Amino acid sequence: SRAVEKYYQIKKFFKKKKIQIFAPVDLYQFNKNKKFKKIKFLDNKIVITSISGIIPIKGALDFVYLANEILKEFSNVCFVLTGQIISSQRRYSRKVIQEIKKLPKNNFYLKGLADNVPEILSNSDLFICTSKSEAGPITVLEAIAMDLPIISTKVGIVPQILKNNTNAIILKKN
């Protein structure tokens, strides 16, 4: 991403011409036209999904706070947070889980590390990336491949591949 390029230019790691290589997305797996199994507990609700490690830099707690604000007004919305709980971030993970427990039952699901990301995205109505810093959020690329509306923080490649208020909403961090 341009942000990473600037970082390395400052550090003077590269003197020769450089190119950007984005993370690959398997378009056979992440294909909006592919038939995926319906996830029953998500039926009849607007499903808002985020996929990230449960760590501060990925903004998992921000996603939970967002869910809390939306659920104050709308009961037909369901939030799915899919991501690994990192052992070095146990205190943060406990805080995330503690905040999730305050939410209405059946409106928030913490799925942990998932091997069925395309299926989860196919059952989603909106994808949100709450990262505070990263070069290229592959989950955003996967959500694009699944033709999901996207709200993302302005991190890494996001402003290069999405246009604010055209095909996504791009927000400042936090």
Protein backbone atom coordinates (compact mmCIF):
# COMPACT_ATOMS: atom_id res chain seq x y z
CA SER A 1 0.00 0.00 0.00
CA ARG A 2 1.05 3.61 -0.28
CA ALA A 3 1.30 3.84 3.51
CA VAL A 4 3.76 0.94 3.59
CA GLU A 5 5.68 2.43 0.67
CA LYS A 6 6.07 5.74 2.53
CA TYR A 7 7.24 3.90 5.64
CA TYR A 8 9.95 2.06 3.76
CA GLN A 9 10.99 5.17 1.82
CA ILE A 10 11.55 6.95 5.12
CA LYS A 11 13.63 4.00 6.33
CA LYS A 12 15.49 4.01 2.96
CA PHE A 13 15.15 0.22 2.58
CA PHE A 14 14.54 0.39 -1.15
CA LYS A 15 16.58 2.32 -3.64
CA LYS A 16 15.37 0.64 -6.83
CA LYS A 17 11.97 0.82 -8.48
CA LYS A 18 9.26 -0.94 -6.53
CA ILE A 19 5.82 -2.29 -7.35
CA GLN A 20 2.79 -2.95 -5.20
CA ILE A 21 1.55 -6.50 -4.93
CA PHE A 22 -1.83 -6.95 -3.29
CA ALA A 23 -2.71 -10.03 -1.32
CA PRO A 24 -4.42 -12.64 -3.48
CA VAL A 25 -8.05 -13.64 -3.08
CA ASP A 26 -9.20 -17.01 -4.39
CA LEU A 27 -12.10 -15.95 -6.60
CA TYR A 28 -13.28 -19.54 -6.87
CA GLN A 29 -13.86 -19.60 -3.10
CA PHE A 30 -14.95 -15.97 -2.74
CA ASN A 31 -17.58 -15.94 -5.46
CA LYS A 32 -20.91 -14.20 -4.91
CA ASN A 33 -22.57 -16.50 -7.47
CA LYS A 34 -21.51 -19.70 -5.72
CA LYS A 35 -24.19 -21.44 -3.66
CA PHE A 36 -23.36 -21.39 0.04
CA LYS A 37 -25.17 -22.97 2.92
CA LYS A 38 -27.52 -20.63 4.76
CA ILE A 39 -26.52 -20.10 8.38
CA LYS A 40 -29.83 -20.60 10.19
CA PHE A 41 -29.22 -18.41 13.24
CA LEU A 42 -28.63 -15.46 10.88
CA ASP A 43 -31.95 -15.81 9.05
CA ASN A 44 -34.38 -12.90 9.03
CA LYS A 45 -31.84 -10.38 10.30
CA ILE A 46 -29.58 -7.79 8.76
CA VAL A 47 -26.13 -9.32 9.22
CA ILE A 48 -23.14 -7.06 9.79
CA THR A 49 -19.82 -8.88 9.77
CA SER A 50 -16.24 -8.14 10.70
CA ILE A 51 -13.33 -10.54 10.35
CA SER A 52 -10.14 -9.86 12.28
CA GLY A 53 -7.91 -11.00 15.07
CA ILE A 54 -9.26 -10.08 18.48
CA ILE A 55 -6.50 -7.58 19.16
CA PRO A 56 -6.49 -3.82 19.77
CA ILE A 57 -4.91 -2.85 16.42
CA LYS A 58 -7.78 -4.57 14.56
CA GLY A 59 -10.42 -2.61 16.47
CA ALA A 60 -12.51 -5.59 17.59
CA LEU A 61 -13.75 -3.69 20.63
CA ASP A 62 -14.80 -0.80 18.37
CA PHE A 63 -16.94 -3.27 16.40
CA VAL A 64 -18.63 -4.38 19.64
CA TYR A 65 -19.24 -0.76 20.70
CA LEU A 66 -20.71 -0.07 17.26
CA ALA A 67 -23.02 -3.07 17.66
CA ASN A 68 -24.15 -1.74 21.03
CA GLU A 69 -25.08 1.63 19.55
CA ILE A 70 -26.97 0.14 16.59
CA LEU A 71 -28.81 -2.42 18.72
CA LYS A 72 -30.19 0.39 20.89
CA GLU A 73 -32.27 1.41 17.86
CA PHE A 74 -32.67 -1.73 15.77
CA SER A 75 -33.48 -5.24 16.98
CA ASN A 76 -33.46 -6.87 13.53
CA VAL A 77 -29.68 -6.55 13.20
CA CYS A 78 -27.17 -9.28 13.96
CA PHE A 79 -23.41 -8.85 14.31
CA VAL A 80 -20.83 -11.53 13.55
CA LEU A 81 -17.23 -11.11 14.65
CA THR A 82 -15.02 -13.83 13.27
CA GLY A 83 -11.42 -13.97 14.38
CA GLN A 84 -8.84 -15.66 16.49
CA ILE A 85 -8.36 -14.81 20.13
CA ILE A 86 -4.61 -14.23 20.45
CA SER A 87 -3.04 -15.69 23.58
CA SER A 88 -0.85 -12.62 24.14
CA GLN A 89 -3.99 -10.45 24.15
CA ARG A 90 -6.03 -12.29 26.79
CA ARG A 91 -6.90 -9.15 28.78
CA TYR A 92 -8.18 -7.42 25.64
CA SER A 93 -10.09 -10.56 24.59
CA ARG A 94 -11.76 -10.73 28.00
CA LYS A 95 -12.81 -7.08 27.63
CA VAL A 96 -14.29 -7.82 24.18
CA ILE A 97 -16.20 -10.83 25.54
CA GLN A 98 -17.36 -8.84 28.59
CA GLU A 99 -18.79 -6.13 26.31
CA ILE A 100 -20.45 -8.72 24.04
CA LYS A 101 -22.23 -10.21 27.07
CA LYS A 102 -23.91 -6.82 27.65
CA LEU A 103 -25.59 -7.01 24.23
CA PRO A 104 -29.02 -8.52 23.58
CA LYS A 105 -28.89 -12.30 23.14
CA ASN A 106 -29.07 -13.62 19.58
CA ASN A 107 -27.78 -10.33 18.17
CA PHE A 108 -24.01 -10.82 18.42
CA TYR A 109 -21.92 -13.87 17.60
CA LEU A 110 -18.21 -14.22 18.30
CA LYS A 111 -17.22 -17.07 16.00
CA GLY A 112 -13.48 -17.43 16.67
CA LEU A 113 -11.11 -18.54 13.94
CA ALA A 114 -13.21 -19.71 11.00
CA ASP A 115 -12.42 -21.90 8.04
CA ASN A 116 -15.70 -20.98 6.31
CA VAL A 117 -15.11 -17.28 5.68
CA PRO A 118 -16.72 -17.32 2.20
CA GLU A 119 -19.85 -18.88 3.73
CA ILE A 120 -19.96 -16.29 6.52
CA LEU A 121 -19.58 -13.44 4.02
CA SER A 122 -22.25 -14.94 1.75
CA ASN A 123 -24.67 -14.76 4.69
CA SER A 124 -23.74 -11.13 5.42
CA ASP A 125 -25.42 -7.92 4.33
CA LEU A 126 -22.61 -5.53 5.24
CA PHE A 127 -18.89 -5.86 5.97
CA ILE A 128 -17.06 -3.59 8.40
CA CYS A 129 -13.28 -3.27 8.80
CA THR A 130 -12.35 -1.50 12.05
CA SER A 131 -8.55 -1.81 11.75
CA LYS A 132 -6.48 1.00 13.13
CA SER A 133 -3.38 0.12 11.10
CA GLU A 134 -2.50 -2.40 8.41
CA ALA A 135 -1.08 -2.51 4.91
CA GLY A 136 -3.76 -4.39 3.03
CA PRO A 137 -6.75 -5.86 4.82
CA ILE A 138 -7.36 -9.06 2.87
CA THR A 139 -10.81 -9.33 4.45
CA VAL A 140 -11.80 -6.15 2.61
CA LEU A 141 -10.67 -7.73 -0.66
CA GLU A 142 -12.68 -10.84 0.18
CA ALA A 143 -15.76 -8.73 0.95
CA ILE A 144 -15.32 -6.94 -2.38
CA ALA A 145 -15.18 -10.32 -4.14
CA MET A 146 -18.46 -11.26 -2.43
CA ASP A 147 -19.98 -7.95 -3.60
CA LEU A 148 -20.75 -6.74 -0.08
CA PRO A 149 -21.27 -3.12 0.88
CA ILE A 150 -18.23 -2.07 2.90
CA ILE A 151 -17.52 0.36 5.69
CA SER A 152 -13.84 0.57 6.53
CA THR A 153 -11.35 2.69 8.35
CA LYS A 154 -8.86 4.49 6.15
CA VAL A 155 -6.02 1.96 6.39
CA GLY A 156 -3.51 0.60 3.91
CA ILE A 157 -4.86 -0.06 0.43
CA VAL A 158 -8.46 0.79 1.30
CA PRO A 159 -8.38 4.34 -0.15
CA GLN A 160 -6.60 3.00 -3.26
CA ILE A 161 -9.20 0.35 -4.09
CA LEU A 162 -12.42 1.88 -2.75
CA LYS A 163 -13.92 5.31 -3.27
CA ASN A 164 -15.55 6.97 -0.28
CA ASN A 165 -19.31 7.47 -0.74
CA THR A 166 -19.19 5.70 -4.11
CA ASN A 167 -18.58 2.01 -3.49
CA ALA A 168 -17.79 2.15 0.23
CA ILE A 169 -17.79 4.37 3.25
CA ILE A 170 -14.27 5.09 4.42
CA LEU A 171 -13.88 6.52 7.90
CA LYS A 172 -11.02 7.95 9.90
CA LYS A 173 -9.57 5.53 12.41
CA ASN A 174 -11.57 5.27 15.65
